[in-house]
Amino acid sequence: MRLKLVAAILAVFSTMYVVHAQQPPGRVAITPIGPLVSVFSPEYFFAEVYFMSNGGANALSVVTDDGAVLIDAKLPGWGPAVLEAMRRVTDIPVTTIINTHAHEDHVGADAEYPEVTEILMHENSSRRLARSAGKRPMVKTFGDHTSLTLGKRTLHVYHFGKGHTDGDAIVTIPDARVAFVGDLVAEKAVPVIDPASGGSALALPQTLARATKEITGIEYIITGHGPPPPGRQRNWPTWNDFREYADFTRDFVAAATAAWKNGRTAEQAAAELKLPDKYKNYRMDGARAAIETIFAELKQSTGAKR
């Protein structure tokens, strides 16, 4: 498997600079995680973890001797494109899928991987999918934490509470020091919350804070959306970036809550929003929508007073 991977990584490396928006329609871009290194380097394991963009949300593939684990399956119809991309780097089939939550851009292609024998997701995500599509075979659910071992690799899957939805999962790959965080951190931007799927803007900061305290040994994070970073060294977001994002959501929710208590409208609160300078590079174009979600939750909260 390693000889094929070494040759494949060189081919993938030649196209890794093409950003998400420039990929031809219907083609999945695949990028190794970590710097390109010698097969003899202790960092070589990075060559067996792959980032895949296009076709909806980002996905991650973890290759083991006993099958590949696909973290999020992309939109309906994109399964063949994912498999074609993976054939460029390995002949190991996808045997397991982990869904980080139940939105279609993450689960839509679940049924398009013919050699999959297990699909793992949080119990809340499974219930939501069952309501819309009926009970699905091969689905295994978990509550707060579970682990999955294939070959010599073990992955851990966590649920820390409500956030983007009520079924968000974080998947860690300890030997690669990588965590796939799904849409809990979709991008370096104002969080997107789906109340209809059980999401909560008020709970998100606590959910992320729990993750920062309980997950250890992680160096890099992969977000649910956004292109791979450019450049030869591929500077992926770090666990410190995740900690900062947890702080950002806390400060954002605190500012919105204060505005609500002062009688401001969502439009006024968005216009008057002031956050610490360390967040100046965060996209804020979704601020008003996020504040409206926070205001709606505050109105329903028995402990909130205006």
Protein backbone atom coordinates (compact mmCIF):
# COMPACT_ATOMS: atom_id res chain seq x y z
CA MET A 1 0.00 0.00 0.00
CA ARG A 2 2.85 2.39 0.80
CA LEU A 3 4.50 2.15 -2.64
CA LYS A 4 1.24 3.06 -4.34
CA LEU A 5 0.68 5.86 -1.84
CA VAL A 6 4.12 7.39 -2.46
CA ALA A 7 3.52 7.55 -6.21
CA ALA A 8 -0.03 8.78 -5.73
CA ILE A 9 0.96 11.54 -3.32
CA LEU A 10 3.30 12.99 -5.95
CA ALA A 11 0.43 13.08 -8.44
CA VAL A 12 -1.95 14.63 -5.92
CA PHE A 13 0.66 17.19 -4.89
CA SER A 14 0.80 18.61 -8.43
CA THR A 15 -2.88 19.62 -8.22
CA MET A 16 -3.22 20.58 -4.57
CA TYR A 17 -2.86 24.32 -5.23
CA VAL A 18 -6.15 24.50 -7.14
CA VAL A 19 -8.72 26.05 -4.83
CA HIS A 20 -12.18 24.67 -4.15
CA ALA A 21 -14.04 27.04 -6.49
CA GLN A 22 -11.79 26.22 -9.46
CA GLN A 23 -12.35 22.46 -9.51
CA PRO A 24 -14.31 21.15 -12.52
CA PRO A 25 -17.95 20.30 -11.65
CA GLY A 26 -18.37 16.68 -10.60
CA ARG A 27 -14.75 16.16 -9.61
CA VAL A 28 -13.59 15.75 -6.02
CA ALA A 29 -10.25 17.36 -5.14
CA ILE A 30 -8.13 15.19 -2.84
CA THR A 31 -5.24 16.52 -0.76
CA PRO A 32 -2.94 14.68 1.69
CA ILE A 33 -2.93 16.04 5.24
CA GLY A 34 0.46 17.31 6.39
CA PRO A 35 3.68 18.15 4.52
CA LEU A 36 5.00 15.96 1.73
CA VAL A 37 7.67 13.83 3.42
CA SER A 38 9.94 10.87 2.77
CA VAL A 39 8.47 7.38 3.15
CA PHE A 40 11.15 6.84 5.80
CA SER A 41 10.06 9.84 7.88
CA PRO A 42 8.13 9.30 11.14
CA GLU A 43 5.66 11.86 9.74
CA TYR A 44 4.80 9.52 6.85
CA PHE A 45 1.47 8.50 8.40
CA PHE A 46 0.05 11.80 7.16
CA ALA A 47 0.08 10.32 3.66
CA GLU A 48 -2.77 8.03 4.64
CA VAL A 49 -5.17 10.79 5.73
CA TYR A 50 -6.80 12.70 2.88
CA PHE A 51 -8.88 15.88 2.67
CA MET A 52 -11.58 15.97 -0.02
CA SER A 53 -13.37 19.11 -1.20
CA ASN A 54 -16.24 19.81 -3.65
CA GLY A 55 -19.55 17.97 -3.65
CA GLY A 56 -20.98 19.69 -0.58
CA ALA A 57 -19.20 19.63 2.75
CA ASN A 58 -15.57 18.69 3.20
CA ALA A 59 -14.75 15.04 3.81
CA LEU A 60 -11.80 13.17 5.25
CA SER A 61 -10.57 9.70 4.39
CA VAL A 62 -8.44 7.66 6.80
CA VAL A 63 -6.80 4.68 5.11
CA THR A 64 -6.05 1.52 7.11
CA ASP A 65 -5.02 -2.01 6.14
CA ASP A 66 -8.56 -3.18 6.98
CA GLY A 67 -10.43 -0.56 4.94
CA ALA A 68 -10.78 3.18 4.57
CA VAL A 69 -12.92 5.29 6.91
CA LEU A 70 -14.80 8.12 5.19
CA ILE A 71 -15.76 11.00 7.47
CA ASP A 72 -18.83 12.58 5.83
CA ALA A 73 -20.11 11.30 2.50
CA LYS A 74 -21.02 14.49 0.56
CA LEU A 75 -24.17 15.38 -1.40
CA PRO A 76 -26.32 12.79 -3.19
CA GLY A 77 -24.70 11.67 -6.43
CA TRP A 78 -21.15 12.48 -5.36
CA GLY A 79 -20.18 9.03 -4.07
CA PRO A 80 -18.68 7.89 -7.39
CA ALA A 81 -16.58 11.06 -7.58
CA VAL A 82 -15.24 10.42 -4.08
CA LEU A 83 -14.36 6.84 -4.97
CA GLU A 84 -12.68 7.98 -8.18
CA ALA A 85 -10.60 10.48 -6.20
CA MET A 86 -9.59 7.84 -3.69
CA ARG A 87 -8.52 5.45 -6.45
CA ARG A 88 -5.90 8.03 -7.35
CA VAL A 89 -4.19 7.45 -4.00
CA THR A 90 -5.08 3.95 -2.76
CA ASP A 91 -6.70 0.67 -3.75
CA ILE A 92 -8.18 0.22 -0.25
CA PRO A 93 -12.02 0.32 -0.37
CA VAL A 94 -14.24 2.52 1.81
CA THR A 95 -15.75 0.17 4.40
CA THR A 96 -16.90 2.59 7.11
CA ILE A 97 -18.60 6.00 7.10
CA ILE A 98 -18.76 8.41 10.04
CA ASN A 99 -21.33 11.21 9.70
CA THR A 100 -20.62 14.35 11.72
CA HIS A 101 -24.31 15.32 11.58
CA ALA A 102 -27.46 14.72 9.53
CA HIS A 103 -27.41 17.53 6.95
CA GLU A 104 -27.65 16.40 3.33
CA ASP A 105 -24.27 17.79 2.28
CA HIS A 106 -22.69 15.42 4.83
CA VAL A 107 -24.88 12.30 4.56
CA GLY A 108 -26.52 12.51 1.14
CA ALA A 109 -24.20 10.02 -0.55
CA ASP A 110 -24.09 7.48 2.31
CA ALA A 111 -25.71 4.76 0.20
CA GLU A 112 -23.30 5.22 -2.74
CA TYR A 113 -20.34 3.28 -1.33
CA PRO A 114 -20.94 -0.39 -2.19
CA GLU A 115 -18.37 -1.91 0.18
CA VAL A 116 -19.45 -0.02 3.31
CA THR A 117 -20.52 -2.31 6.15
CA GLU A 118 -21.06 0.29 8.91
CA ILE A 119 -22.25 3.90 9.14
CA LEU A 120 -21.62 5.59 12.48
CA MET A 121 -23.38 8.74 13.71
CA HIS A 122 -24.77 10.31 16.87
CA GLU A 123 -28.12 8.94 18.01
CA ASN A 124 -29.84 12.32 17.45
CA SER A 125 -28.62 12.44 13.85
CA SER A 126 -29.85 8.90 13.27
CA ARG A 127 -33.31 9.75 14.61
CA ARG A 128 -33.57 12.80 12.35
CA LEU A 129 -32.58 10.83 9.27
CA ALA A 130 -35.00 8.05 10.16
CA ARG A 131 -37.87 10.57 10.21
CA SER A 132 -37.11 11.72 6.67
CA ALA A 133 -35.74 8.59 5.01
CA GLY A 134 -36.80 5.71 7.23
CA LYS A 135 -34.59 3.38 9.24
CA ARG A 136 -31.37 2.61 7.40
CA PRO A 137 -29.37 -0.62 7.56
CA MET A 138 -25.76 -0.67 8.78
CA VAL A 139 -26.24 2.41 10.99
CA LYS A 140 -24.58 2.27 14.39
CA THR A 141 -25.19 5.09 16.86
CA PHE A 142 -23.38 6.47 19.89
CA GLY A 143 -24.15 8.82 22.77
CA ASP A 144 -21.22 10.79 24.21
CA HIS A 145 -18.20 8.86 22.94
CA THR A 146 -17.20 5.77 21.01
CA SER A 147 -14.05 4.45 19.37
CA LEU A 148 -13.43 2.63 16.13
CA THR A 149 -10.38 0.50 15.35
CA LEU A 150 -9.44 -0.68 11.86
CA GLY A 151 -6.06 -2.21 11.24
CA LYS A 152 -3.56 -0.42 13.46
CA ARG A 153 -5.52 2.84 13.63
CA THR A 154 -8.06 3.91 16.24
CA LEU A 155 -10.44 6.82 15.77
CA HIS A 156 -12.44 8.44 18.56
CA VAL A 157 -15.86 10.00 18.00
CA TYR A 158 -17.27 12.53 20.49
CA HIS A 159 -20.50 14.43 21.10
CA PHE A 160 -20.25 17.31 23.57
CA GLY A 161 -23.70 18.87 23.28
CA LYS A 162 -25.80 21.07 21.03
CA GLY A 163 -24.22 23.42 18.54
CA HIS A 164 -24.75 23.55 14.78
CA THR A 165 -27.31 20.75 15.34
CA ASP A 166 -28.09 18.46 18.27
CA GLY A 167 -26.07 15.60 16.76
CA ASP A 168 -22.68 17.14 15.99
CA ALA A 169 -19.72 14.76 16.20
CA ILE A 170 -16.00 15.46 16.42
CA VAL A 171 -13.76 12.70 15.07
CA THR A 172 -10.16 12.48 16.25
CA ILE A 173 -7.33 10.52 14.62
CA PRO A 174 -4.77 10.31 17.43
CA ASP A 175 -1.84 8.90 15.43
CA ALA A 176 -2.17 11.80 12.98
CA ARG A 177 -2.97 14.36 15.73
CA VAL A 178 -5.94 15.48 13.59
CA ALA A 179 -9.56 16.25 14.53
CA PHE A 180 -12.38 16.58 12.01
CA VAL A 181 -14.78 19.05 13.62
CA GLY A 182 -17.57 19.15 11.02
CA ASP A 183 -19.80 22.22 11.07
CA LEU A 184 -19.16 23.01 14.72
CA VAL A 185 -16.42 25.07 13.05
CA ALA A 186 -17.58 25.28 9.45
CA GLU A 187 -15.18 28.13 8.68
CA LYS A 188 -13.44 31.03 10.45
CA ALA A 189 -16.71 32.94 10.55
CA VAL A 190 -19.85 33.60 12.54
CA PRO A 191 -21.37 30.21 13.46
CA VAL A 192 -24.29 28.87 11.47
CA ILE A 193 -26.97 27.33 13.68
CA ASP A 194 -29.86 25.13 12.53
CA PRO A 195 -32.57 25.31 15.22
CA ALA A 196 -34.81 23.00 13.18
CA SER A 197 -32.18 20.29 13.62
CA GLY A 198 -31.86 20.93 17.35
CA GLY A 199 -28.97 23.39 17.06
CA SER A 200 -28.40 26.04 19.72
CA ALA A 201 -26.38 29.24 19.52
CA LEU A 202 -26.55 29.63 23.30
CA ALA A 203 -25.21 26.12 23.89
CA LEU A 204 -22.46 26.23 21.25
CA PRO A 205 -19.82 28.01 23.39
CA GLN A 206 -20.23 25.47 26.20
CA THR A 207 -20.10 22.60 23.71
CA LEU A 208 -16.84 23.86 22.21
CA ALA A 209 -15.38 24.63 25.64
CA ARG A 210 -16.03 21.01 26.71
CA ALA A 211 -14.23 19.78 23.61
CA THR A 212 -11.17 21.95 24.31
CA LYS A 213 -10.94 20.53 27.84
CA GLU A 214 -11.67 16.87 27.15
CA ILE A 215 -9.83 16.26 23.86
CA THR A 216 -6.05 16.05 24.13
CA GLY A 217 -3.13 15.31 21.83
CA ILE A 218 -4.55 17.07 18.76
CA GLU A 219 -2.47 19.44 16.65
CA TYR A 220 -4.60 20.14 13.55
CA ILE A 221 -8.30 20.54 12.82
CA ILE A 222 -10.24 20.00 9.60
CA THR A 223 -13.34 22.16 9.27
CA GLY A 224 -16.65 21.23 7.67
CA HIS A 225 -16.34 23.77 4.86
CA GLY A 226 -13.68 25.83 3.13
CA PRO A 227 -10.82 24.93 0.75
CA PRO A 228 -7.51 23.34 1.78
CA PRO A 229 -4.78 25.83 2.70
CA PRO A 230 -2.39 26.75 -0.11
CA GLY A 231 1.36 26.26 -0.10
CA ARG A 232 3.79 23.36 0.12
CA GLN A 233 3.60 23.04 3.90
CA ARG A 234 -0.22 23.17 3.97
CA ASN A 235 -0.77 25.10 7.17
CA TRP A 236 -4.00 23.52 8.39
CA PRO A 237 -5.88 25.20 11.24
CA THR A 238 -4.51 24.15 14.62
CA TRP A 239 -6.04 23.08 17.91
CA ASN A 240 -5.18 26.55 19.20
CA ASP A 241 -7.36 27.95 16.41
CA PHE A 242 -10.15 25.70 17.69
CA ARG A 243 -9.67 27.10 21.20
CA GLU A 244 -9.81 30.63 19.81
CA TYR A 245 -13.02 29.80 17.94
CA ALA A 246 -14.55 28.56 21.18
CA ASP A 247 -13.63 31.91 22.74
CA PHE A 248 -15.05 33.74 19.72
CA THR A 249 -18.44 32.06 20.03
CA ARG A 250 -18.50 32.80 23.76
CA ASP A 251 -17.72 36.48 23.21
CA PHE A 252 -20.13 36.75 20.27
CA VAL A 253 -23.01 35.21 22.23
CA ALA A 254 -22.21 37.39 25.26
CA ALA A 255 -22.28 40.56 23.12
CA ALA A 256 -25.56 39.57 21.47
CA THR A 257 -27.12 38.68 24.83
CA ALA A 258 -26.10 42.05 26.27
CA ALA A 259 -27.65 43.81 23.26
CA TRP A 260 -30.89 41.86 23.69
CA LYS A 261 -31.08 42.77 27.37
CA ASN A 262 -30.55 46.43 26.42
CA GLY A 263 -33.55 46.34 24.11
CA ARG A 264 -31.65 46.46 20.83
CA THR A 265 -33.00 44.89 17.64
CA ALA A 266 -30.97 42.24 15.82
CA GLU A 267 -30.17 44.78 13.09
CA GLN A 268 -28.96 47.31 15.66
CA ALA A 269 -26.97 44.69 17.56
CA ALA A 270 -25.19 43.57 14.37
CA ALA A 271 -24.36 47.16 13.41
CA GLU A 272 -23.07 48.00 16.90
CA LEU A 273 -21.21 44.72 17.49
CA LYS A 274 -17.76 45.20 18.98
CA LEU A 275 -15.49 42.24 19.62
CA PRO A 276 -11.81 41.96 20.64
CA ASP A 277 -9.29 42.78 17.93
CA LYS A 278 -8.02 39.19 17.80
CA TYR A 279 -11.20 38.29 15.87
CA LYS A 280 -10.66 40.89 13.13
CA ASN A 281 -10.01 38.19 10.49
CA TYR A 282 -13.30 36.39 11.12
CA ARG A 283 -16.03 36.68 8.49
CA MET A 284 -18.91 38.60 10.01
CA ASP A 285 -21.36 38.69 7.09
CA GLY A 286 -23.65 36.26 8.91
CA ALA A 287 -23.73 38.25 12.14
CA ARG A 288 -27.31 39.49 11.87
CA ALA A 289 -28.72 36.02 11.15
CA ALA A 290 -26.76 34.54 14.05
CA ILE A 291 -27.95 37.30 16.38
CA GLU A 292 -31.55 36.71 15.32
CA THR A 293 -31.10 33.04 16.28
CA ILE A 294 -29.67 34.05 19.65
CA PHE A 295 -32.54 36.50 20.27
CA ALA A 296 -35.09 33.81 19.42
CA GLU A 297 -33.49 31.42 21.91
CA LEU A 298 -33.33 34.09 24.59
CA LYS A 299 -37.04 34.83 24.17
CA GLN A 300 -37.80 31.16 24.78
CA SER A 301 -35.45 30.87 27.74
CA THR A 302 -37.17 30.93 31.14
CA GLY A 303 -34.04 32.34 32.76
CA ALA A 304 -33.51 35.23 30.38
CA LYS A 305 -34.95 38.63 31.26
CA ARG A 306 -35.05 41.70 29.09
